Amino acid sequence: MTPEQHRHLSSHLKTLERQAAEVAQQHADDADFWPAFASLAEPIEEYAGRAGDAAHEFASTWIDEILIRLGKMDPAHRQT
């Protein structure tokens, strides 16, 4: 991953963190939360996938941590 890709991903992941907290407040029911969260996270994951394995792992780890902090993912089920 190039430094530019790292900056780009970091910026988008920081935005996702803020948006995810808002989505969690607006959609307390998991059935509503997951589609809303996915619509925000998928474009980031797609970009990371195109940027290479290191970028994809970086983004996946960050997204897992967001979900753990929100109580939407059990830490034992981390993908990375």
Protein backbone atom coordinates (compact mmCIF):
# COMPACT_ATOMS: atom_id res chain seq x y z
CA MET A 1 0.00 0.00 0.00
CA THR A 2 1.39 3.36 -0.98
CA PRO A 3 1.48 6.27 1.47
CA GLU A 4 -1.21 7.98 -0.62
CA GLN A 5 -3.46 4.92 -0.43
CA HIS A 6 -2.86 4.74 3.32
CA ARG A 7 -3.89 8.39 3.77
CA HIS A 8 -6.92 7.91 1.55
CA LEU A 9 -8.08 4.79 3.40
CA SER A 10 -7.41 6.32 6.82
CA SER A 11 -9.47 9.37 5.94
CA HIS A 12 -12.40 7.29 4.75
CA LEU A 13 -12.19 4.94 7.72
CA LYS A 14 -12.21 7.86 10.17
CA THR A 15 -15.34 9.15 8.44
CA LEU A 16 -16.86 5.66 8.63
CA GLU A 17 -16.18 5.60 12.37
CA ARG A 18 -18.18 8.79 12.88
CA GLN A 19 -20.95 7.68 10.54
CA ALA A 20 -21.17 4.22 12.10
CA ALA A 21 -21.81 5.68 15.54
CA GLU A 22 -24.63 7.77 14.10
CA VAL A 23 -26.06 4.79 12.21
CA ALA A 24 -25.98 2.72 15.41
CA GLN A 25 -27.95 5.43 17.24
CA GLN A 26 -30.46 5.78 14.42
CA HIS A 27 -30.86 2.03 13.85
CA ALA A 28 -30.85 0.23 17.19
CA ASP A 29 -32.32 -2.88 15.58
CA ASP A 30 -29.60 -5.00 13.93
CA ALA A 31 -31.88 -5.69 10.97
CA ASP A 32 -31.80 -1.97 10.22
CA PHE A 33 -28.22 -1.32 11.29
CA TRP A 34 -26.44 -3.86 9.08
CA PRO A 35 -27.74 -2.70 5.68
CA ALA A 36 -27.08 0.93 6.59
CA PHE A 37 -23.56 0.15 7.81
CA ALA A 38 -22.82 -2.03 4.79
CA SER A 39 -23.78 0.76 2.41
CA LEU A 40 -21.08 2.91 4.03
CA ALA A 41 -18.40 0.26 4.48
CA GLU A 42 -18.60 -1.60 1.16
CA PRO A 43 -17.14 1.16 -1.04
CA ILE A 44 -14.18 1.42 1.35
CA GLU A 45 -13.65 -2.33 1.31
CA GLU A 46 -13.85 -2.38 -2.49
CA TYR A 47 -11.24 0.37 -2.79
CA ALA A 48 -9.01 -1.42 -0.29
CA GLY A 49 -9.35 -4.66 -2.21
CA ARG A 50 -8.26 -2.97 -5.42
CA ALA A 51 -5.31 -1.37 -3.59
CA GLY A 52 -3.90 -4.77 -2.58
CA ASP A 53 -3.71 -7.27 0.25
CA ALA A 54 -2.09 -4.92 2.77
CA ALA A 55 -4.72 -2.25 2.19
CA HIS A 56 -7.53 -4.78 2.43
CA GLU A 57 -6.19 -6.17 5.71
CA PHE A 58 -5.71 -2.64 7.08
CA ALA A 59 -9.30 -1.66 6.24
CA SER A 60 -10.79 -4.95 7.46
CA THR A 61 -9.01 -4.66 10.81
CA TRP A 62 -10.19 -1.07 11.28
CA ILE A 63 -13.78 -1.97 10.34
CA ASP A 64 -13.74 -4.91 12.76
CA GLU A 65 -12.60 -2.56 15.53
CA ILE A 66 -15.40 -0.12 14.73
CA LEU A 67 -17.95 -2.91 14.98
CA ILE A 68 -16.46 -4.21 18.23
CA ARG A 69 -16.60 -0.75 19.82
CA LEU A 70 -20.23 -0.42 18.75
CA GLY A 71 -21.04 -3.79 20.29
CA LYS A 72 -22.00 -5.21 16.89
CA MET A 73 -19.18 -7.76 16.72
CA ASP A 74 -17.78 -10.15 19.30
CA PRO A 75 -14.00 -9.64 19.55
CA ALA A 76 -13.60 -13.42 19.28
CA HIS A 77 -15.01 -13.22 15.74
CA ARG A 78 -12.49 -10.79 14.31
CA GLN A 79 -11.78 -11.59 10.71
CA THR A 80 -8.21 -10.40 10.90
